[in-house]
Protein backbone atom coordinates (compact mmCIF):
# COMPACT_ATOMS: atom_id res chain seq x y z
CA UNK A 1 -45.77 -54.12 145.25
CA UNK A 2 -45.54 -57.77 143.30
CA UNK A 3 -47.87 -59.17 146.12
CA UNK A 4 -50.09 -56.52 146.23
CA UNK A 5 -50.55 -56.82 142.45
CA UNK A 6 -50.95 -60.33 142.31
CA UNK A 7 -53.60 -60.26 145.50
CA UNK A 8 -55.67 -57.78 143.28
CA UNK A 9 -55.39 -59.68 140.48
CA UNK A 10 -56.76 -63.04 142.31
CA UNK A 11 -59.36 -61.46 143.71
CA UNK A 12 -60.77 -60.73 140.39
CA UNK A 13 -59.45 -64.53 139.36
CA UNK A 14 -61.80 -66.00 142.32
CA UNK A 15 -65.22 -64.28 140.87
CA UNK A 16 -64.16 -65.99 137.16
CA UNK A 17 -63.29 -68.80 138.28
CA UNK A 18 -66.38 -69.73 140.32
CA UNK A 19 -68.32 -69.27 136.88
CA UNK A 20 -66.42 -71.97 134.82
CA UNK A 21 -68.15 -75.24 134.90
CA UNK A 22 -66.43 -78.27 136.54
CA UNK A 23 -67.55 -80.35 133.91
CA UNK A 24 -65.17 -78.67 131.10
CA UNK A 25 -61.90 -79.91 130.64
CA UNK A 26 -59.39 -79.62 127.88
CA UNK A 27 -60.30 -76.89 125.05
CA UNK A 28 -63.83 -76.69 125.99
CA UNK A 29 -62.41 -75.51 129.25
CA UNK A 30 -60.04 -72.84 127.88
CA UNK A 31 -62.51 -71.81 124.88
CA UNK A 32 -65.14 -71.08 127.86
CA UNK A 33 -62.53 -68.65 129.78
CA UNK A 34 -61.78 -67.22 126.31
CA UNK A 35 -65.55 -66.34 125.74
CA UNK A 36 -65.56 -65.39 129.80
CA UNK A 37 -62.80 -62.86 129.38
CA UNK A 38 -64.59 -61.52 126.64
CA UNK A 39 -67.24 -60.24 128.53
CA UNK A 40 -65.20 -58.95 130.95
CA UNK A 41 -64.71 -54.88 131.11
CA UNK A 42 -61.29 -53.29 130.71
CA UNK A 43 -60.64 -52.75 134.17
CA UNK A 44 -60.81 -56.47 134.82
CA UNK A 45 -58.18 -57.24 131.65
CA UNK A 46 -56.05 -54.38 133.24
CA UNK A 47 -55.80 -55.82 136.74
CA UNK A 48 -54.87 -59.17 135.25
CA UNK A 49 -52.28 -57.81 132.81
CA UNK A 50 -50.70 -56.08 135.72
CA UNK A 51 -49.78 -59.12 137.66
CA UNK A 52 -48.20 -61.02 134.88
CA UNK A 53 -46.22 -57.43 134.31
CA UNK A 54 -45.28 -57.56 137.98
CA UNK A 55 -43.70 -60.96 137.09
CA UNK A 56 -42.24 -59.77 134.48
CA UNK A 57 -40.54 -56.58 136.23
CA UNK A 58 -39.33 -59.26 138.91
CA UNK A 59 -37.59 -61.25 136.46
CA UNK A 60 -35.46 -58.22 135.12
CA UNK A 61 -34.80 -57.03 138.76
CA UNK A 62 -33.50 -60.93 139.60
CA UNK A 63 -31.51 -60.24 136.11
CA UNK A 64 -33.42 -63.51 134.81
CA UNK A 65 -33.07 -64.19 130.89
CA UNK A 66 -36.39 -66.42 131.31
CA UNK A 67 -39.68 -66.52 132.95
CA UNK A 68 -42.02 -69.42 133.07
CA UNK A 69 -45.00 -70.60 134.46
CA UNK A 70 -48.85 -72.27 133.86
CA UNK A 71 -49.89 -75.96 133.96
CA UNK A 72 -48.86 -78.83 135.75
CA UNK A 73 -45.44 -78.69 135.45
CA UNK A 74 -44.72 -75.65 136.91
CA UNK A 75 -46.28 -76.98 140.26
CA UNK A 76 -48.11 -73.69 141.09
CA UNK A 77 -44.69 -71.78 141.03
CA UNK A 78 -42.93 -69.12 138.65
CA UNK A 79 -39.66 -70.21 137.45
CA UNK A 80 -36.59 -67.82 136.57
CA UNK A 81 -33.61 -68.70 134.40
CA UNK A 82 -31.07 -66.69 135.74
CA UNK A 83 -27.58 -67.37 134.31
CA UNK A 84 -28.15 -70.14 132.90
CA UNK A 85 -30.19 -72.10 135.81
CA UNK A 86 -33.61 -72.19 135.77
CA UNK A 87 -35.56 -72.87 139.25
CA UNK A 88 -38.59 -71.60 141.20
CA UNK A 89 -39.13 -68.13 143.03
CA UNK A 90 -40.43 -69.46 146.48
CA UNK A 91 -41.33 -65.71 147.38
CA UNK A 92 -43.95 -65.78 144.77
CA UNK A 93 -47.61 -66.81 145.63
CA UNK A 94 -48.38 -70.14 143.82
CA UNK A 95 -51.10 -69.96 141.04
CA UNK A 96 -53.97 -72.51 140.33
CA UNK A 97 -54.39 -73.96 136.94
CA UNK A 98 -57.38 -71.94 136.47
CA UNK A 99 -55.59 -68.68 137.20
CA UNK A 100 -52.78 -69.28 135.04
CA UNK A 101 -55.01 -70.07 132.09
CA UNK A 102 -57.05 -66.69 132.76
CA UNK A 103 -54.07 -64.93 133.12
CA UNK A 104 -52.20 -66.13 129.74
CA UNK A 105 -55.24 -65.86 127.93
CA UNK A 106 -55.74 -62.57 128.76
CA UNK A 107 -52.74 -61.64 127.72
CA UNK A 108 -53.78 -62.62 123.88
CA UNK A 109 -55.81 -61.07 121.30
CA UNK A 110 -59.36 -62.67 121.09
CA UNK A 111 -58.28 -63.86 117.34
CA UNK A 112 -55.30 -65.14 118.55
CA UNK A 113 -57.01 -68.25 120.96
CA UNK A 114 -58.48 -69.51 117.71
CA UNK A 115 -54.76 -69.66 116.31
CA UNK A 116 -53.67 -71.18 119.74
CA UNK A 117 -56.55 -73.87 119.32
CA UNK A 118 -55.71 -74.72 116.14
CA UNK A 119 -51.66 -75.05 116.44
CA UNK A 120 -51.26 -76.17 120.48
CA UNK A 121 -48.74 -73.13 120.70
CA UNK A 122 -48.30 -69.74 119.76
CA UNK A 123 -45.20 -67.27 119.46
CA UNK A 124 -45.96 -63.77 120.05
CA UNK A 125 -43.81 -60.75 121.15
CA UNK A 126 -44.55 -58.73 124.13
CA UNK A 127 -43.74 -55.25 125.61
CA UNK A 128 -43.82 -54.04 128.70
CA UNK A 129 -43.71 -50.14 129.35
CA UNK A 130 -42.88 -48.77 132.51
CA UNK A 131 -41.00 -45.33 133.99
CA UNK A 132 -38.24 -47.39 133.02
CA UNK A 133 -38.81 -47.50 129.40
CA UNK A 134 -39.84 -49.91 127.11
CA UNK A 135 -39.18 -53.95 127.52
CA UNK A 136 -39.42 -56.60 125.12
CA UNK A 137 -40.15 -59.91 125.34
CA UNK A 138 -40.09 -62.96 122.86
CA UNK A 139 -43.03 -65.32 124.30
CA UNK A 140 -44.39 -68.66 123.68
CA UNK A 141 -47.83 -69.76 125.19
CA UNK A 142 -48.44 -73.37 124.61
CA UNK A 143 -50.68 -76.54 125.84
CA UNK A 144 -49.22 -78.87 128.34
CA UNK A 145 -51.38 -81.59 129.86
CA UNK A 146 -54.76 -79.76 129.07
CA UNK A 147 -53.82 -76.18 130.73
CA UNK A 148 -51.49 -73.45 129.11
CA UNK A 149 -48.13 -72.84 129.57
CA UNK A 150 -45.87 -69.90 128.97
CA UNK A 151 -42.35 -69.07 128.30
CA UNK A 152 -41.26 -65.57 128.32
CA UNK A 153 -37.60 -64.44 127.04
CA UNK A 154 -36.26 -60.99 127.87
CA UNK A 155 -34.89 -59.41 124.79
CA UNK A 156 -31.79 -57.11 125.94
CA UNK A 157 -32.68 -53.27 125.44
CA UNK A 158 -29.31 -52.32 124.31
CA UNK A 159 -27.65 -54.16 121.36
CA UNK A 160 -24.06 -55.65 122.77
CA UNK A 161 -21.28 -53.76 121.15
CA UNK A 162 -19.84 -55.16 117.88
CA UNK A 163 -16.52 -55.41 119.82
CA UNK A 164 -17.82 -57.64 122.48
CA UNK A 165 -18.10 -60.85 119.61
CA UNK A 166 -14.56 -60.74 119.64
CA UNK A 167 -14.38 -61.32 115.96
CA UNK A 168 -10.96 -61.59 113.95
CA UNK A 169 -10.58 -58.63 111.70
CA UNK A 170 -11.34 -60.16 108.60
CA UNK A 171 -14.64 -61.78 109.66
CA UNK A 172 -15.76 -58.10 110.54
CA UNK A 173 -15.03 -57.08 107.58
CA UNK A 174 -16.82 -60.23 105.85
CA UNK A 175 -19.95 -59.41 108.31
CA UNK A 176 -19.89 -55.84 106.85
CA UNK A 177 -22.21 -54.29 104.28
CA UNK A 178 -19.83 -51.88 103.65
CA UNK A 179 -16.67 -54.08 102.95
CA UNK A 180 -18.86 -57.35 101.80
CA UNK A 181 -22.13 -56.66 99.38
CA UNK A 182 -23.26 -60.09 98.78
CA UNK A 183 -23.20 -63.28 100.45
CA UNK A 184 -25.13 -66.03 103.21
CA UNK A 185 -23.55 -65.68 106.89
CA UNK A 186 -25.08 -68.08 108.91
CA UNK A 187 -25.66 -67.81 113.11
CA UNK A 188 -26.26 -71.02 114.46
CA UNK A 189 -26.72 -72.47 118.01
CA UNK A 190 -29.07 -74.36 119.93
CA UNK A 191 -32.15 -72.52 121.58
CA UNK A 192 -30.80 -69.97 124.31
CA UNK A 193 -27.43 -69.84 122.79
CA UNK A 194 -27.60 -66.37 121.97
CA UNK A 195 -28.27 -66.48 118.12
CA UNK A 196 -30.46 -63.38 118.03
CA UNK A 197 -28.43 -61.20 120.54
CA UNK A 198 -25.58 -61.46 118.01
CA UNK A 199 -27.61 -61.05 115.30
CA UNK A 200 -28.96 -58.05 116.39
CA UNK A 201 -25.14 -56.90 117.08
CA UNK A 202 -24.06 -57.26 113.43
CA UNK A 203 -27.42 -55.78 112.42
CA UNK A 204 -26.82 -52.39 114.57
CA UNK A 205 -23.17 -52.08 113.42
CA UNK A 206 -24.01 -52.44 109.44
CA UNK A 207 -27.18 -49.68 110.80
CA UNK A 208 -24.66 -47.46 112.21
CA UNK A 209 -21.62 -47.33 109.89
CA UNK A 210 -22.97 -48.86 105.87
CA UNK A 211 -25.62 -46.56 103.49
CA UNK A 212 -28.03 -49.42 102.62
CA UNK A 213 -31.53 -50.83 103.32
CA UNK A 214 -32.06 -53.80 106.14
CA UNK A 215 -34.93 -55.92 105.82
CA UNK A 216 -35.91 -58.20 109.17
CA UNK A 217 -38.29 -61.24 108.74
CA UNK A 218 -38.34 -62.52 112.27
CA UNK A 219 -41.31 -64.74 114.04
CA UNK A 220 -41.69 -63.09 116.71
CA UNK A 221 -39.85 -59.87 116.28
CA UNK A 222 -37.47 -59.23 119.17
CA UNK A 223 -35.15 -55.81 119.01
CA UNK A 224 -36.87 -52.97 117.23
CA UNK A 225 -34.02 -51.08 115.28
CA UNK A 226 -34.16 -47.87 114.82
CA UNK A 227 -32.71 -46.47 111.17
CA UNK A 228 -29.55 -44.83 111.64
CA UNK A 229 -27.80 -44.86 108.05
CA UNK A 230 -29.64 -47.68 107.06
CA UNK A 231 -33.28 -47.83 106.41
CA UNK A 232 -34.56 -50.89 108.34
CA UNK A 233 -37.75 -52.77 108.32
CA UNK A 234 -39.28 -55.39 110.32
CA UNK A 235 -41.87 -58.11 109.50
CA UNK A 236 -43.41 -60.11 111.92
CA UNK A 237 -44.13 -63.89 110.61
CA UNK A 238 -48.18 -64.24 110.92
CA UNK A 239 -48.39 -60.14 111.33
CA UNK A 240 -46.93 -58.70 108.59
CA UNK A 241 -46.32 -61.51 106.17
CA UNK A 242 -47.05 -65.48 106.11
CA UNK A 243 -44.10 -67.35 106.48
CA UNK A 244 -40.00 -66.68 106.20
CA UNK A 245 -40.03 -68.14 102.48
CA UNK A 246 -43.07 -65.25 101.56
CA UNK A 247 -41.08 -63.03 103.26
CA UNK A 248 -37.92 -63.77 101.41
CA UNK A 249 -38.95 -63.77 98.36
CA UNK A 250 -41.35 -60.36 98.80
CA UNK A 251 -38.01 -58.85 99.77
CA UNK A 252 -36.23 -59.19 97.05
CA UNK A 253 -38.75 -56.84 95.55
CA UNK A 254 -38.17 -54.18 98.15
CA UNK A 255 -34.54 -52.76 96.77
CA UNK A 256 -33.09 -54.04 99.94
CA UNK A 257 -29.43 -54.34 100.76
CA UNK A 258 -29.46 -56.82 103.40
CA UNK A 259 -32.33 -59.60 104.22
CA UNK A 260 -32.41 -61.10 107.86
CA UNK A 261 -34.18 -64.26 108.05
CA UNK A 262 -35.11 -65.31 111.79
CA UNK A 263 -34.78 -69.20 110.96
CA UNK A 264 -34.42 -71.33 108.51
CA UNK A 265 -36.91 -73.94 109.43
CA UNK A 266 -37.67 -76.06 106.57
CA UNK A 267 -36.80 -77.10 102.66
CA UNK A 268 -38.52 -74.39 101.41
CA UNK A 269 -37.48 -71.33 103.42
CA UNK A 270 -33.74 -72.47 102.93
CA UNK A 271 -33.97 -72.98 98.93
CA UNK A 272 -35.34 -69.64 99.30
CA UNK A 273 -32.80 -68.34 101.61
CA UNK A 274 -29.93 -69.92 99.37
CA UNK A 275 -31.89 -67.83 96.33
CA UNK A 276 -31.48 -64.61 97.35
CA UNK A 277 -28.31 -65.00 98.73
CA UNK A 278 -27.20 -65.90 94.84
CA UNK A 279 -29.36 -63.08 93.51
CA UNK A 280 -26.58 -60.87 94.84
CA UNK A 281 -27.79 -59.59 98.32
CA UNK A 282 -26.26 -59.74 101.83
CA UNK A 283 -28.26 -62.38 103.46
CA UNK A 284 -27.85 -63.59 107.64
CA UNK A 285 -29.96 -66.39 108.58
CA UNK A 286 -30.13 -68.69 111.85
CA UNK A 287 -30.18 -72.18 112.16
CA UNK A 288 -30.49 -74.80 115.16
CA UNK A 289 -27.44 -76.52 115.00
CA UNK A 290 -24.24 -76.86 117.02
CA UNK A 291 -20.92 -76.51 114.76
CA UNK A 292 -20.48 -74.99 110.85
CA UNK A 293 -20.08 -78.68 109.39
CA UNK A 294 -23.55 -79.82 111.04
CA UNK A 295 -24.89 -76.56 109.53
CA UNK A 296 -23.52 -77.05 106.09
CA UNK A 297 -24.73 -80.65 106.40
CA UNK A 298 -28.52 -79.67 107.76
CA UNK A 299 -28.70 -77.20 104.65
CA UNK A 300 -27.52 -79.99 102.08
CA UNK A 301 -29.80 -82.94 103.84
CA UNK A 302 -32.88 -80.80 104.05
CA UNK A 303 -32.62 -80.94 100.21
CA UNK A 304 -34.26 -83.35 97.66
CA UNK A 305 -31.84 -86.23 96.52
CA UNK A 306 -32.17 -85.28 92.87
CA UNK A 307 -31.63 -81.32 93.62
CA UNK A 308 -28.25 -82.32 96.30
CA UNK A 309 -25.85 -81.14 93.44
CA UNK A 310 -27.38 -78.39 92.69
CA UNK A 311 -27.89 -77.31 95.96
CA UNK A 312 -24.62 -78.15 97.07
CA UNK A 313 -23.05 -75.99 93.97
CA UNK A 314 -24.96 -73.11 94.81
CA UNK A 315 -24.45 -72.99 98.86
CA UNK A 316 -20.72 -73.38 98.09
CA UNK A 317 -20.89 -70.19 95.82
CA UNK A 318 -22.82 -67.87 98.26
CA UNK A 319 -21.69 -68.83 101.86
CA UNK A 320 -19.59 -66.43 103.30
CA UNK A 321 -19.32 -66.83 107.10
CA UNK A 322 -20.50 -69.44 109.78
CA UNK A 323 -20.46 -68.24 113.50
CA UNK A 324 -22.02 -71.41 115.80
CA UNK A 325 -22.40 -70.35 119.17
CA UNK A 326 -22.97 -70.84 122.78
CA UNK A 327 -23.72 -69.56 126.43
CA UNK A 328 -21.65 -70.58 129.07
CA UNK A 329 -21.83 -70.03 132.90
CA UNK A 330 -18.10 -68.57 133.55
CA UNK A 331 -16.26 -68.63 136.71
CA UNK A 332 -18.43 -65.91 138.08
CA UNK A 333 -21.65 -67.65 137.04
CA UNK A 334 -22.28 -65.04 134.17
CA UNK A 335 -22.82 -66.37 130.81
CA UNK A 336 -19.86 -66.23 128.56
CA UNK A 337 -19.95 -66.78 124.90
CA UNK A 338 -18.17 -69.21 122.77
CA UNK A 339 -18.15 -69.71 119.22
CA UNK A 340 -16.81 -71.28 116.17
CA UNK A 341 -16.25 -69.63 113.24
CA UNK A 342 -15.81 -70.82 109.49
CA UNK A 343 -14.97 -68.42 106.68
CA UNK A 344 -15.89 -69.74 103.32
CA UNK A 345 -12.27 -70.00 101.81
CA UNK A 346 -11.20 -71.73 98.77
CA UNK A 347 -10.63 -74.98 101.04
CA UNK A 348 -13.92 -75.05 102.49
CA UNK A 349 -16.03 -73.98 99.36
CA UNK A 350 -13.87 -77.16 97.63
CA UNK A 351 -15.14 -79.39 100.09
CA UNK A 352 -18.75 -78.30 99.85
CA UNK A 353 -18.60 -78.62 96.45
CA UNK A 354 -16.70 -81.88 96.29
CA UNK A 355 -19.36 -83.65 99.51
CA UNK A 356 -16.31 -84.03 101.59
CA UNK A 357 -17.83 -82.00 104.59
CA UNK A 358 -15.79 -83.99 107.04
CA UNK A 359 -12.49 -81.95 105.81
CA UNK A 360 -14.48 -78.58 107.17
CA UNK A 361 -13.13 -79.18 110.69
CA UNK A 362 -9.72 -79.39 109.75
CA UNK A 363 -9.42 -76.33 107.60
CA UNK A 364 -11.22 -74.16 110.40
CA UNK A 365 -8.75 -75.90 113.05
CA UNK A 366 -5.65 -74.84 110.76
CA UNK A 367 -6.54 -71.39 109.34
CA UNK A 368 -6.81 -69.40 111.98
CA UNK A 369 -4.44 -66.49 110.56
CA UNK A 370 -8.19 -65.81 108.23
CA UNK A 371 -10.00 -65.47 111.61
CA UNK A 372 -11.21 -69.10 111.57
CA UNK A 373 -11.41 -70.86 114.67
CA UNK A 374 -13.36 -74.36 116.18
CA UNK A 375 -15.20 -74.91 119.46
CA UNK A 376 -13.00 -76.73 121.46
CA UNK A 377 -10.23 -74.01 120.33
CA UNK A 378 -12.19 -71.06 121.51
CA UNK A 379 -13.15 -73.24 124.76
CA UNK A 380 -9.67 -74.03 125.38
CA UNK A 381 -8.87 -70.24 125.10
CA UNK A 382 -11.49 -69.37 127.52
CA UNK A 383 -10.24 -72.00 129.87
CA UNK A 384 -6.66 -71.11 129.78
CA UNK A 385 -7.86 -67.41 130.67
CA UNK A 386 -9.50 -68.63 133.53
CA UNK A 387 -12.97 -67.07 132.37
CA UNK A 388 -14.47 -70.67 132.33
CA UNK A 389 -13.89 -73.91 134.44
CA UNK A 390 -12.44 -77.01 132.82
CA UNK A 391 -15.09 -78.87 133.19
CA UNK A 392 -17.71 -76.49 131.77
CA UNK A 393 -15.52 -76.03 128.79
CA UNK A 394 -15.37 -79.89 128.68
CA UNK A 395 -19.18 -80.36 128.87
CA UNK A 396 -19.96 -77.82 126.08
CA UNK A 397 -16.80 -79.14 123.69
CA UNK A 398 -18.44 -80.37 120.56
CA UNK A 399 -15.98 -83.18 120.43
CA UNK A 400 -14.71 -84.05 123.95
CA UNK A 401 -11.67 -85.86 122.33
CA UNK A 402 -10.58 -82.68 120.11
CA UNK A 403 -11.06 -80.38 123.44
CA UNK A 404 -8.56 -82.50 125.13
CA UNK A 405 -6.11 -82.60 122.14
CA UNK A 406 -6.05 -78.77 122.25
CA UNK A 407 -5.14 -78.55 126.19
CA UNK A 408 -2.65 -81.04 125.99
CA UNK A 409 -1.49 -79.71 122.76
CA UNK A 410 -1.48 -75.90 124.79
CA UNK A 411 0.07 -77.07 127.56
CA UNK A 412 3.10 -79.21 125.65
CA UNK A 413 3.79 -76.06 123.85
CA UNK A 414 3.85 -73.28 126.98
């Protein structure tokens, strides 16, 4: 079925490619393809979409988290990331540069083409409707050597159980609107570390167990939550609201109990998020940082020098918890969640106020009874439980010497 759909699409692609002048390159060539597609009947658009959607179906069947194709870097091949490893799929026909340019432009609404030309990248959500149900994807199309490439990331159709996060009871209460109605909770990690999945799990738990109003601001929107005990609003940056900063400010006028910011990308958004948390709301946000200390330093570092003292005081007041995470290949090659958890207790708040963030790691290390754990401690736990190998644990440690010290201490204590 996959080959048949792609072959049908290739028949349509041949006729389109023949109409593209050979002397056009770069944006001019892509713009010509855009205008060419605008003149095509709906059945051609449908054939081209079906070819891409067949790739998405194949991605699901292989349990791939990501799909990439397009431009020179892909070498004409479709690439899947399965359990952390990205490799080409040889059984899928190769695609030429013009073929992938046409297929990708066909996915976008005509008005989105102009935004792509201006920014050289466009992020959007894509929904596949099939007999098996609905599947959403986070997508990013971008220019690579004058041609288009794309990444699709599969969004889990079901939220993982809250218990699967393996959090201490004290931390679970801090994340719940039912027990803590205010404060800033950060979910951090590098791209592909599962931040959005963890955030959706926490939102889902609140949606099922607390009465309230949740406003989610994301770019793009991934999992769509059905209102249960909470009224849940979804606002996509670029479609429903202009920016994360605007969405956060507007949310304060919408009677929220929980505000969820998909990403704190810039100083203005960070300042607005701190203000929202300081106003008495429960705020969840993500950061591209790999540890609790790095997260605190990043927030402080993004503020202007003259604002440092005020931001440090505000952060110390509103910060509740930081969960920094990684996804690591286990012994069975499936991905395993490793996490660092910091609770903003009296000692952590004092370290932030006094600009002694270098003390925070030791506080986390010594406060396991409060639910805190360093990344190195959690990696050592996973290694000791034979869930991950020693090499994987060491490779993913933020500080390899500290990890080795934890393992050595555990062996001496055993």
